[in-house]
Amino acid sequence: MSKPVILQIDASARKAGSVTRELTGAIATQLLNRSPDAKVLIRDVSQGLPFLDEEWVGANFTDPAERTAAQRLKLALSDTLVAELIAADTIIVGVPVYNFSIPAALKAWVDLIARAKETFKYTQNGPVGLLEGKKAYLAVASGGTKVGSEIDFAVNYLKHMLGFVGINDVTIIAADQLMMDPAKQEVALAQTRELAA
């Protein structure tokens, strides 16, 4: 039996003092307490990922058997990110809310993993996600945006995109509105400690 894989995605521009990094680390620790043999893969996207361009789109829509070496190279990072997601049993995403939404680097990650015939497929009844059976945690931090409110364009979007690729079991751990109530950070950390229970 293969070891479970935990994919931890960090996106905060801050390394020190990042609430989302603290939360993703705490969630990973609690999951490791439950499954000590699990493998944790950390993908830090904070330094940026390439945005989709015409060459990428052309390569993506070329039949894999007919792709040129240049096209395969263009898709190499996307292929790696997709492979990480496919291999993962559990996905932890750090979600710092910047200006009511997710950081550009995290959006770039979404664009690179949303691949027809890889992570979802089109059917006569619409798109179907191909990554079913996985668990996801969204570790969210915001200064003023309330998670789930009408101005939260981060959490609802990520829940939708995870569902789009078939990941519907999503738990949100929120340290939101920290500028108004800094104690919410400890509440969120307490939630992570309950994961092992």
N, C-alpha and C. Protein backbone atom coordinates (compact mmCIF):
# COMPACT_ATOMS: atom_id res chain seq x y z
N MET A 1 0.85 -1.20 0.00
CA MET A 1 0.00 0.00 0.00
C MET A 1 0.88 1.24 0.00
N SER A 2 0.58 2.18 -0.90
CA SER A 2 1.41 3.38 -1.01
C SER A 2 1.14 4.34 0.14
N LYS A 3 2.14 5.13 0.45
CA LYS A 3 2.00 6.11 1.52
C LYS A 3 1.09 7.26 1.06
N PRO A 4 0.26 7.78 1.97
CA PRO A 4 -0.57 8.92 1.59
C PRO A 4 0.29 10.14 1.29
N VAL A 5 -0.19 10.97 0.38
CA VAL A 5 0.54 12.17 -0.03
C VAL A 5 -0.28 13.41 0.32
N ILE A 6 0.37 14.35 0.98
CA ILE A 6 -0.23 15.62 1.34
C ILE A 6 0.46 16.70 0.50
N LEU A 7 -0.31 17.43 -0.27
CA LEU A 7 0.22 18.53 -1.07
C LEU A 7 -0.13 19.84 -0.37
N GLN A 8 0.90 20.57 0.02
CA GLN A 8 0.72 21.85 0.72
C GLN A 8 1.11 22.97 -0.24
N ILE A 9 0.17 23.85 -0.51
CA ILE A 9 0.40 24.95 -1.44
C ILE A 9 0.39 26.26 -0.65
N ASP A 10 1.52 26.95 -0.68
CA ASP A 10 1.62 28.24 0.00
C ASP A 10 1.69 29.35 -1.04
N ALA A 11 0.99 30.45 -0.77
CA ALA A 11 0.91 31.52 -1.76
C ALA A 11 1.16 32.90 -1.17
N SER A 12 1.31 32.99 0.14
CA SER A 12 1.50 34.30 0.75
C SER A 12 2.82 34.93 0.31
N ALA A 13 2.77 36.22 0.01
CA ALA A 13 3.98 36.95 -0.35
C ALA A 13 4.91 37.06 0.85
N ARG A 14 4.36 36.91 2.04
CA ARG A 14 5.16 37.00 3.26
C ARG A 14 5.67 35.62 3.64
N LYS A 15 6.94 35.55 3.99
CA LYS A 15 7.49 34.31 4.53
C LYS A 15 7.34 34.33 6.05
N ALA A 16 7.92 35.35 6.69
CA ALA A 16 7.80 35.49 8.14
C ALA A 16 6.49 36.22 8.47
N GLY A 17 5.81 35.73 9.48
CA GLY A 17 4.60 36.39 9.93
C GLY A 17 3.37 36.12 9.10
N SER A 18 3.45 35.15 8.20
CA SER A 18 2.29 34.82 7.36
C SER A 18 1.32 33.93 8.13
N VAL A 19 0.10 34.37 8.25
CA VAL A 19 -0.91 33.57 8.95
C VAL A 19 -1.25 32.32 8.14
N THR A 20 -1.37 32.46 6.81
CA THR A 20 -1.73 31.28 6.02
C THR A 20 -0.62 30.23 6.06
N ARG A 21 0.63 30.66 6.07
CA ARG A 21 1.73 29.68 6.16
C ARG A 21 1.70 28.98 7.52
N GLU A 22 1.39 29.73 8.56
CA GLU A 22 1.27 29.11 9.88
C GLU A 22 0.14 28.08 9.89
N LEU A 23 -0.98 28.44 9.26
CA LEU A 23 -2.12 27.53 9.23
C LEU A 23 -1.84 26.29 8.37
N THR A 24 -1.26 26.47 7.17
CA THR A 24 -1.00 25.30 6.33
C THR A 24 -0.02 24.36 7.03
N GLY A 25 0.98 24.94 7.70
CA GLY A 25 1.93 24.10 8.44
C GLY A 25 1.28 23.36 9.58
N ALA A 26 0.37 24.05 10.28
CA ALA A 26 -0.33 23.42 11.41
C ALA A 26 -1.26 22.30 10.92
N ILE A 27 -1.93 22.52 9.79
CA ILE A 27 -2.81 21.49 9.24
C ILE A 27 -1.98 20.27 8.85
N ALA A 28 -0.86 20.52 8.16
CA ALA A 28 0.01 19.41 7.73
C ALA A 28 0.52 18.63 8.94
N THR A 29 0.88 19.34 10.01
CA THR A 29 1.37 18.68 11.23
C THR A 29 0.29 17.78 11.82
N GLN A 30 -0.94 18.29 11.88
CA GLN A 30 -2.03 17.49 12.45
C GLN A 30 -2.32 16.26 11.58
N LEU A 31 -2.25 16.43 10.27
CA LEU A 31 -2.48 15.29 9.38
C LEU A 31 -1.36 14.26 9.53
N LEU A 32 -0.13 14.73 9.74
CA LEU A 32 0.98 13.81 9.96
C LEU A 32 0.85 13.09 11.29
N ASN A 33 0.28 13.75 12.28
CA ASN A 33 0.03 13.08 13.56
C ASN A 33 -0.93 11.91 13.37
N ARG A 34 -1.87 12.09 12.44
CA ARG A 34 -2.85 11.04 12.16
C ARG A 34 -2.25 9.94 11.27
N SER A 35 -1.39 10.36 10.32
CA SER A 35 -0.77 9.42 9.37
C SER A 35 0.73 9.70 9.30
N PRO A 36 1.49 9.19 10.28
CA PRO A 36 2.93 9.51 10.35
C PRO A 36 3.73 9.09 9.13
N ASP A 37 3.22 8.15 8.36
CA ASP A 37 3.97 7.69 7.19
C ASP A 37 3.66 8.51 5.94
N ALA A 38 2.81 9.52 6.07
CA ALA A 38 2.43 10.34 4.90
C ALA A 38 3.63 11.14 4.40
N LYS A 39 3.62 11.40 3.12
CA LYS A 39 4.65 12.23 2.49
C LYS A 39 4.06 13.62 2.28
N VAL A 40 4.78 14.67 2.67
CA VAL A 40 4.32 16.03 2.47
C VAL A 40 5.14 16.67 1.36
N LEU A 41 4.43 17.17 0.36
CA LEU A 41 5.06 17.88 -0.74
C LEU A 41 4.64 19.34 -0.63
N ILE A 42 5.61 20.23 -0.50
CA ILE A 42 5.31 21.66 -0.37
C ILE A 42 5.58 22.36 -1.70
N ARG A 43 4.58 23.04 -2.19
CA ARG A 43 4.69 23.81 -3.43
C ARG A 43 4.45 25.28 -3.06
N ASP A 44 5.51 26.08 -3.08
CA ASP A 44 5.41 27.50 -2.76
C ASP A 44 5.30 28.26 -4.08
N VAL A 45 4.15 28.86 -4.32
CA VAL A 45 3.92 29.57 -5.59
C VAL A 45 4.12 31.08 -5.44
N SER A 46 4.55 31.52 -4.26
CA SER A 46 4.55 32.95 -3.95
C SER A 46 5.47 33.78 -4.85
N GLN A 47 6.51 33.16 -5.38
CA GLN A 47 7.42 33.91 -6.25
C GLN A 47 6.89 34.06 -7.67
N GLY A 48 5.73 33.47 -7.90
CA GLY A 48 5.08 33.62 -9.19
C GLY A 48 5.23 32.40 -10.07
N LEU A 49 4.24 32.18 -10.88
CA LEU A 49 4.24 31.13 -11.89
C LEU A 49 3.96 31.80 -13.23
N PRO A 50 4.38 31.17 -14.31
CA PRO A 50 4.11 31.80 -15.61
C PRO A 50 2.61 31.87 -15.90
N PHE A 51 2.20 32.96 -16.51
CA PHE A 51 0.81 33.10 -16.93
C PHE A 51 0.62 32.39 -18.27
N LEU A 52 -0.60 31.97 -18.54
CA LEU A 52 -0.90 31.35 -19.82
C LEU A 52 -0.66 32.35 -20.94
N ASP A 53 -0.09 31.85 -22.03
CA ASP A 53 0.11 32.69 -23.21
C ASP A 53 -0.29 31.89 -24.44
N GLU A 54 -0.14 32.50 -25.60
CA GLU A 54 -0.59 31.87 -26.84
C GLU A 54 0.12 30.55 -27.09
N GLU A 55 1.42 30.51 -26.82
CA GLU A 55 2.18 29.27 -27.04
C GLU A 55 1.70 28.15 -26.12
N TRP A 56 1.42 28.50 -24.86
CA TRP A 56 0.94 27.49 -23.90
C TRP A 56 -0.40 26.94 -24.35
N VAL A 57 -1.31 27.84 -24.74
CA VAL A 57 -2.64 27.41 -25.16
C VAL A 57 -2.54 26.50 -26.39
N GLY A 58 -1.69 26.91 -27.35
CA GLY A 58 -1.51 26.09 -28.54
C GLY A 58 -0.97 24.71 -28.21
N ALA A 59 0.01 24.67 -27.30
CA ALA A 59 0.58 23.37 -26.90
C ALA A 59 -0.45 22.52 -26.18
N ASN A 60 -1.23 23.15 -25.31
CA ASN A 60 -2.22 22.41 -24.53
C ASN A 60 -3.29 21.78 -25.42
N PHE A 61 -3.66 22.48 -26.49
CA PHE A 61 -4.72 21.97 -27.36
C PHE A 61 -4.19 21.11 -28.51
N THR A 62 -2.89 20.85 -28.51
CA THR A 62 -2.31 19.92 -29.49
C THR A 62 -2.36 18.52 -28.91
N ASP A 63 -2.74 17.55 -29.71
CA ASP A 63 -2.77 16.16 -29.25
C ASP A 63 -1.40 15.81 -28.66
N PRO A 64 -1.38 15.21 -27.45
CA PRO A 64 -0.09 14.90 -26.81
C PRO A 64 0.87 14.13 -27.70
N ALA A 65 0.35 13.23 -28.53
CA ALA A 65 1.22 12.44 -29.40
C ALA A 65 1.85 13.28 -30.51
N GLU A 66 1.28 14.45 -30.77
CA GLU A 66 1.76 15.29 -31.86
C GLU A 66 2.50 16.53 -31.39
N ARG A 67 2.68 16.68 -30.09
CA ARG A 67 3.37 17.87 -29.58
C ARG A 67 4.84 17.86 -29.95
N THR A 68 5.33 19.04 -30.27
CA THR A 68 6.76 19.19 -30.57
C THR A 68 7.53 19.22 -29.25
N ALA A 69 8.84 19.14 -29.35
CA ALA A 69 9.68 19.24 -28.15
C ALA A 69 9.47 20.58 -27.47
N ALA A 70 9.33 21.64 -28.25
CA ALA A 70 9.11 22.97 -27.69
C ALA A 70 7.77 23.04 -26.96
N GLN A 71 6.76 22.40 -27.52
CA GLN A 71 5.45 22.39 -26.87
C GLN A 71 5.48 21.58 -25.57
N ARG A 72 6.17 20.45 -25.58
CA ARG A 72 6.29 19.66 -24.35
C ARG A 72 7.02 20.45 -23.27
N LEU A 73 8.04 21.19 -23.68
CA LEU A 73 8.77 22.02 -22.74
C LEU A 73 7.87 23.13 -22.18
N LYS A 74 7.05 23.70 -23.05
CA LYS A 74 6.15 24.77 -22.62
C LYS A 74 5.17 24.27 -21.57
N LEU A 75 4.75 23.01 -21.67
CA LEU A 75 3.77 22.44 -20.74
C LEU A 75 4.41 21.73 -19.54
N ALA A 76 5.74 21.70 -19.50
CA ALA A 76 6.43 20.87 -18.49
C ALA A 76 6.05 21.25 -17.06
N LEU A 77 6.03 22.54 -16.73
CA LEU A 77 5.68 22.95 -15.36
C LEU A 77 4.23 22.59 -15.06
N SER A 78 3.34 22.86 -16.01
CA SER A 78 1.93 22.50 -15.83
C SER A 78 1.79 21.00 -15.62
N ASP A 79 2.50 20.21 -16.40
CA ASP A 79 2.46 18.75 -16.24
C ASP A 79 2.90 18.35 -14.83
N THR A 80 3.94 19.01 -14.32
CA THR A 80 4.44 18.71 -12.98
C THR A 80 3.39 19.06 -11.92
N LEU A 81 2.78 20.23 -12.05
CA LEU A 81 1.76 20.65 -11.09
C LEU A 81 0.55 19.74 -11.12
N VAL A 82 0.15 19.33 -12.32
CA VAL A 82 -0.97 18.39 -12.44
C VAL A 82 -0.62 17.05 -11.81
N ALA A 83 0.59 16.57 -12.05
CA ALA A 83 1.03 15.29 -11.47
C ALA A 83 1.03 15.35 -9.94
N GLU A 84 1.46 16.48 -9.38
CA GLU A 84 1.44 16.63 -7.92
C GLU A 84 0.02 16.54 -7.40
N LEU A 85 -0.90 17.19 -8.09
CA LEU A 85 -2.29 17.20 -7.65
C LEU A 85 -2.92 15.82 -7.78
N ILE A 86 -2.62 15.13 -8.87
CA ILE A 86 -3.15 13.77 -9.06
C ILE A 86 -2.62 12.83 -7.99
N ALA A 87 -1.35 12.97 -7.63
CA ALA A 87 -0.72 12.07 -6.65
C ALA A 87 -1.22 12.32 -5.23
N ALA A 88 -1.68 13.54 -4.97
CA ALA A 88 -2.06 13.92 -3.60
C ALA A 88 -3.37 13.29 -3.17
N ASP A 89 -3.40 12.84 -1.94
CA ASP A 89 -4.65 12.38 -1.32
C ASP A 89 -5.34 13.55 -0.63
N THR A 90 -4.52 14.46 -0.09
CA THR A 90 -5.01 15.62 0.63
C THR A 90 -4.29 16.85 0.10
N ILE A 91 -5.04 17.92 -0.09
CA ILE A 91 -4.47 19.17 -0.58
C ILE A 91 -4.76 20.25 0.45
N ILE A 92 -3.72 20.97 0.84
CA ILE A 92 -3.85 22.10 1.77
C ILE A 92 -3.46 23.35 0.98
N VAL A 93 -4.35 24.30 0.90
CA VAL A 93 -4.06 25.52 0.15
C VAL A 93 -4.09 26.72 1.09
N GLY A 94 -2.98 27.42 1.16
CA GLY A 94 -2.94 28.67 1.90
C GLY A 94 -3.55 29.76 1.05
N VAL A 95 -4.55 30.45 1.60
CA VAL A 95 -5.31 31.43 0.81
C VAL A 95 -5.26 32.80 1.50
N PRO A 96 -4.22 33.58 1.23
CA PRO A 96 -4.25 34.95 1.72
C PRO A 96 -5.19 35.75 0.82
N VAL A 97 -6.07 36.49 1.42
CA VAL A 97 -7.02 37.28 0.63
C VAL A 97 -6.41 38.64 0.36
N TYR A 98 -6.10 38.88 -0.91
CA TYR A 98 -5.53 40.16 -1.33
C TYR A 98 -6.59 40.89 -2.16
N ASN A 99 -7.00 42.05 -1.68
CA ASN A 99 -7.96 42.86 -2.43
C ASN A 99 -9.19 42.05 -2.82
N PHE A 100 -9.71 41.31 -1.85
CA PHE A 100 -10.96 40.54 -1.95
C PHE A 100 -10.84 39.24 -2.74
N SER A 101 -9.66 38.90 -3.22
CA SER A 101 -9.52 37.69 -4.03
C SER A 101 -8.20 36.99 -3.70
N ILE A 102 -7.80 36.05 -4.55
CA ILE A 102 -6.58 35.29 -4.31
C ILE A 102 -5.39 35.99 -4.97
N PRO A 103 -4.18 35.72 -4.51
CA PRO A 103 -2.99 36.30 -5.15
C PRO A 103 -2.87 35.82 -6.60
N ALA A 104 -2.27 36.66 -7.43
CA ALA A 104 -2.09 36.32 -8.85
C ALA A 104 -1.35 35.01 -9.02
N ALA A 105 -0.38 34.74 -8.14
CA ALA A 105 0.40 33.50 -8.26
C ALA A 105 -0.48 32.27 -8.03
N LEU A 106 -1.44 32.38 -7.12
CA LEU A 106 -2.34 31.25 -6.88
C LEU A 106 -3.32 31.09 -8.04
N LYS A 107 -3.76 32.19 -8.63
CA LYS A 107 -4.60 32.10 -9.82
C LYS A 107 -3.82 31.45 -10.97
N ALA A 108 -2.54 31.78 -11.09
CA ALA A 108 -1.71 31.15 -12.13
C ALA A 108 -1.63 29.64 -11.91
N TRP A 109 -1.53 29.21 -10.64
CA TRP A 109 -1.51 27.78 -10.33
C TRP A 109 -2.81 27.13 -10.79
N VAL A 110 -3.95 27.79 -10.50
CA VAL A 110 -5.25 27.26 -10.93
C VAL A 110 -5.27 27.10 -12.45
N ASP A 111 -4.81 28.13 -13.16
CA ASP A 111 -4.82 28.07 -14.63
C ASP A 111 -3.95 26.94 -15.16
N LEU A 112 -2.86 26.66 -14.46
CA LEU A 112 -1.93 25.63 -14.92
C LEU A 112 -2.40 24.21 -14.60
N ILE A 113 -3.29 24.06 -13.61
CA ILE A 113 -3.77 22.70 -13.27
C ILE A 113 -5.14 22.39 -13.85
N ALA A 114 -5.84 23.39 -14.34
CA ALA A 114 -7.17 23.15 -14.93
C ALA A 114 -6.97 22.74 -16.38
N ARG A 115 -6.77 21.45 -16.60
CA ARG A 115 -6.42 20.92 -17.91
C ARG A 115 -7.45 19.89 -18.38
N ALA A 116 -8.11 20.21 -19.50
CA ALA A 116 -9.06 19.27 -20.08
C ALA A 116 -8.36 17.96 -20.39
N LYS A 117 -9.01 16.85 -20.08
CA LYS A 117 -8.53 15.49 -20.27
C LYS A 117 -7.45 15.09 -19.25
N GLU A 118 -7.07 16.03 -18.39
CA GLU A 118 -6.08 15.74 -17.35
C GLU A 118 -6.73 15.82 -15.96
N THR A 119 -7.37 16.95 -15.69
CA THR A 119 -8.02 17.13 -14.38
C THR A 119 -9.54 17.28 -14.50
N PHE A 120 -10.03 17.46 -15.71
CA PHE A 120 -11.47 17.47 -15.95
C PHE A 120 -11.72 17.06 -17.40
N LYS A 121 -12.96 16.71 -17.68
CA LYS A 121 -13.32 16.36 -19.07
C LYS A 121 -14.67 16.96 -19.38
N TYR A 122 -14.90 17.18 -20.66
CA TYR A 122 -16.20 17.67 -21.11
C TYR A 122 -17.06 16.48 -21.52
N THR A 123 -18.34 16.53 -21.13
CA THR A 123 -19.29 15.50 -21.51
C THR A 123 -20.52 16.18 -22.09
N GLN A 124 -21.47 15.39 -22.56
CA GLN A 124 -22.71 15.95 -23.09
C GLN A 124 -23.48 16.71 -22.01
N ASN A 125 -23.22 16.37 -20.77
CA ASN A 125 -23.91 17.03 -19.66
C ASN A 125 -23.06 18.12 -19.00
N GLY A 126 -21.96 18.48 -19.65
CA GLY A 126 -21.10 19.52 -19.10
C GLY A 126 -19.80 18.95 -18.57
N PRO A 127 -18.96 19.80 -17.96
CA PRO A 127 -17.66 19.33 -17.47
C PRO A 127 -17.78 18.42 -16.25
N VAL A 128 -16.86 17.48 -16.16
CA VAL A 128 -16.80 16.54 -15.03
C VAL A 128 -15.36 16.50 -14.52
N GLY A 129 -15.20 16.70 -13.21
CA GLY A 129 -13.87 16.65 -12.61
C GLY A 129 -13.34 15.23 -12.56
N LEU A 130 -12.04 15.10 -12.73
CA LEU A 130 -11.40 13.78 -12.76
C LEU A 130 -10.62 13.46 -11.49
N LEU A 131 -10.65 14.35 -10.50
CA LEU A 131 -9.83 14.16 -9.30
C LEU A 131 -10.68 13.86 -8.07
N GLU A 132 -11.67 13.01 -8.23
CA GLU A 132 -12.56 12.69 -7.13
C GLU A 132 -11.85 11.88 -6.05
N GLY A 133 -12.41 11.91 -4.85
CA GLY A 133 -11.89 11.11 -3.76
C GLY A 133 -10.77 11.77 -2.97
N LYS A 134 -10.53 13.04 -3.22
CA LYS A 134 -9.48 13.76 -2.49
C LYS A 134 -10.11 14.71 -1.47
N LYS A 135 -9.34 15.04 -0.46
CA LYS A 135 -9.77 15.97 0.58
C LYS A 135 -8.95 17.25 0.44
N ALA A 136 -9.61 18.39 0.60
CA ALA A 136 -8.90 19.66 0.53
C ALA A 136 -9.21 20.52 1.75
N TYR A 137 -8.20 21.28 2.16
CA TYR A 137 -8.36 22.27 3.23
C TYR A 137 -7.94 23.61 2.65
N LEU A 138 -8.76 24.62 2.89
CA LEU A 138 -8.41 25.99 2.53
C LEU A 138 -8.10 26.73 3.82
N ALA A 139 -6.84 27.15 3.96
CA ALA A 139 -6.41 27.91 5.14
C ALA A 139 -6.42 29.38 4.75
N VAL A 140 -7.43 30.09 5.19
CA VAL A 140 -7.70 31.45 4.71
C VAL A 140 -7.35 32.49 5.77
N ALA A 141 -6.73 33.58 5.31
CA ALA A 141 -6.48 34.72 6.20
C ALA A 141 -6.83 36.00 5.45
N SER A 142 -7.49 36.90 6.16
CA SER A 142 -7.80 38.20 5.56
C SER A 142 -7.71 39.28 6.61
N GLY A 143 -7.50 40.49 6.15
CA GLY A 143 -7.48 41.62 7.06
C GLY A 143 -8.87 42.12 7.37
N GLY A 144 -9.71 42.25 6.33
CA GLY A 144 -11.03 42.80 6.54
C GLY A 144 -12.16 42.04 5.89
N THR A 145 -11.84 41.17 4.93
CA THR A 145 -12.88 40.44 4.20
C THR A 145 -13.41 39.29 5.03
N LYS A 146 -14.70 39.22 5.20
CA LYS A 146 -15.32 38.11 5.91
C LYS A 146 -15.50 36.94 4.95
N VAL A 147 -14.99 35.78 5.33
CA VAL A 147 -15.12 34.59 4.48
C VAL A 147 -16.59 34.26 4.27
N GLY A 148 -16.95 34.02 3.02
CA GLY A 148 -18.33 33.69 2.68
C GLY A 148 -19.22 34.88 2.45
N SER A 149 -18.69 36.08 2.64
CA SER A 149 -19.51 37.27 2.43
C SER A 149 -19.59 37.61 0.95
N GLU A 150 -20.40 38.59 0.62
CA GLU A 150 -20.57 38.97 -0.78
C GLU A 150 -19.32 39.61 -1.37
N ILE A 151 -18.37 40.02 -0.53
CA ILE A 151 -17.12 40.59 -1.05
C ILE A 151 -15.97 39.58 -1.01
N ASP A 152 -16.27 38.36 -0.67
CA ASP A 152 -15.25 37.29 -0.66
C ASP A 152 -15.23 36.62 -2.03
N PHE A 153 -14.28 37.03 -2.85
CA PHE A 153 -14.13 36.43 -4.18
C PHE A 153 -12.97 35.43 -4.20
N ALA A 154 -12.48 35.06 -3.03
CA ALA A 154 -11.36 34.13 -2.93
C ALA A 154 -11.85 32.72 -2.63
N VAL A 155 -12.53 32.55 -1.51
CA VAL A 155 -12.91 31.21 -1.05
C VAL A 155 -13.94 30.57 -1.97
N ASN A 156 -14.96 31.33 -2.34
CA ASN A 156 -15.98 30.76 -3.22
C ASN A 156 -15.38 30.34 -4.56
N TYR A 157 -14.47 31.16 -5.08
CA TYR A 157 -13.82 30.83 -6.35
C TYR A 157 -13.00 29.54 -6.22
N LEU A 158 -12.19 29.45 -5.18
CA LEU A 158 -11.35 28.25 -5.04
C LEU A 158 -12.19 27.00 -4.78
N LYS A 159 -13.25 27.12 -4.00
CA LYS A 159 -14.15 25.98 -3.80
C LYS A 159 -14.75 25.54 -5.13
N HIS A 160 -15.15 26.51 -5.93
CA HIS A 160 -15.71 26.19 -7.24
C HIS A 160 -14.68 25.50 -8.12
N MET A 161 -13.46 26.04 -8.17
CA MET A 161 -12.43 25.46 -9.04
C MET A 161 -12.01 24.07 -8.57
N LEU A 162 -11.92 23.86 -7.26
CA LEU A 162 -11.61 22.53 -6.76
C LEU A 162 -12.72 21.56 -7.15
N GLY A 163 -13.97 21.99 -7.00
CA GLY A 163 -15.09 21.16 -7.41
C GLY A 163 -15.08 20.89 -8.90
N PHE A 164 -14.66 21.87 -9.67
CA PHE A 164 -14.60 21.74 -11.13
C PHE A 164 -13.67 20.60 -11.53
N VAL A 165 -12.58 20.40 -10.77
CA VAL A 165 -11.67 19.29 -11.08
C VAL A 165 -12.00 18.04 -10.26
N GLY A 166 -13.12 18.07 -9.53
CA GLY A 166 -13.59 16.87 -8.86
C GLY A 166 -13.33 16.80 -7.37
N ILE A 167 -12.75 17.84 -6.79
CA ILE A 167 -12.45 17.83 -5.36
C ILE A 167 -13.54 18.60 -4.63
N ASN A 168 -14.49 17.86 -4.09
CA ASN A 168 -15.67 18.47 -3.47
C ASN A 168 -15.67 18.43 -1.95
N ASP A 169 -14.77 17.64 -1.37
CA ASP A 169 -14.68 17.54 0.09
C ASP A 169 -13.69 18.62 0.56
N VAL A 170 -14.21 19.81 0.84
CA VAL A 170 -13.38 20.97 1.14
C VAL A 170 -13.74 21.51 2.52
N THR A 171 -12.74 21.62 3.38
CA THR A 171 -12.91 22.22 4.71
C THR A 171 -12.22 23.57 4.72
N ILE A 172 -12.90 24.57 5.22
CA ILE A 172 -12.34 25.92 5.30
C ILE A 172 -11.95 26.21 6.73
N ILE A 173 -10.71 26.62 6.92
CA ILE A 173 -10.24 27.08 8.23
C ILE A 173 -9.89 28.55 8.05
N ALA A 174 -10.68 29.40 8.67
CA ALA A 174 -10.59 30.83 8.39
C ALA A 174 -10.09 31.64 9.57
N ALA A 175 -9.07 32.43 9.29
CA ALA A 175 -8.61 33.47 10.21
C ALA A 175 -8.92 34.78 9.47
N ASP A 176 -10.22 35.10 9.38
CA ASP A 176 -10.62 36.25 8.58
C ASP A 176 -10.84 37.48 9.45
N GLN A 177 -10.79 38.63 8.81
CA GLN A 177 -10.99 39.92 9.46
C GLN A 177 -10.03 40.14 10.63
N LEU A 178 -8.77 39.76 10.41
CA LEU A 178 -7.78 39.85 11.49
C LEU A 178 -7.48 41.28 11.91
N MET A 179 -7.68 42.23 11.02
CA MET A 179 -7.45 43.62 11.40
C MET A 179 -8.52 44.10 12.38
N MET A 180 -9.66 43.42 12.36
CA MET A 180 -10.74 43.79 13.28
C MET A 180 -10.70 42.95 14.56
N ASP A 181 -10.25 41.69 14.41
CA ASP A 181 -10.24 40.79 15.56
C ASP A 181 -9.05 39.83 15.46
N PRO A 182 -7.87 40.25 15.95
CA PRO A 182 -6.68 39.41 15.86
C PRO A 182 -6.82 38.05 16.54
N ALA A 183 -7.78 37.91 17.47
CA ALA A 183 -7.97 36.64 18.18
C ALA A 183 -8.46 35.54 17.25
N LYS A 184 -8.95 35.90 16.07
CA LYS A 184 -9.44 34.89 15.13
C LYS A 184 -8.31 33.98 14.65
N GLN A 185 -7.08 34.47 14.71
CA GLN A 185 -5.95 33.62 14.32
C GLN A 185 -5.84 32.42 15.26
N GLU A 186 -5.99 32.65 16.54
CA GLU A 186 -5.91 31.54 17.50
C GLU A 186 -7.09 30.61 17.36
N VAL A 187 -8.24 31.14 17.02
CA VAL A 187 -9.42 30.30 16.79
C VAL A 187 -9.15 29.36 15.61
N ALA A 188 -8.57 29.90 14.54
CA ALA A 188 -8.26 29.08 13.37
C ALA A 188 -7.22 28.01 13.70
N LEU A 189 -6.22 28.37 14.49
CA LEU A 189 -5.21 27.38 14.90
C LEU A 189 -5.84 26.31 15.76
N ALA A 190 -6.80 26.66 16.59
CA ALA A 190 -7.49 25.67 17.41
C ALA A 190 -8.26 24.70 16.52
N GLN A 191 -8.82 25.21 15.43
CA GLN A 191 -9.52 24.32 14.49
C GLN A 191 -8.56 23.30 13.90
N THR A 192 -7.33 23.72 13.61
CA THR A 192 -6.38 22.77 13.03
C THR A 192 -6.02 21.68 14.04
N ARG A 193 -5.98 22.05 15.31
CA ARG A 193 -5.65 21.03 16.32
C ARG A 193 -6.76 20.00 16.46
N GLU A 194 -7.96 20.36 16.10
CA GLU A 194 -9.08 19.43 16.18
C GLU A 194 -9.07 18.40 15.04
N LEU A 195 -8.26 18.66 14.00
CA LEU A 195 -8.23 17.75 12.86
C LEU A 195 -7.78 16.35 13.25
N ALA A 196 -6.89 16.27 14.21
CA ALA A 196 -6.35 14.96 14.61
C ALA A 196 -7.31 14.19 15.51
N ALA A 197 -8.32 14.87 16.02
CA ALA A 197 -9.25 14.22 16.95
C ALA A 197 -10.15 13.23 16.23
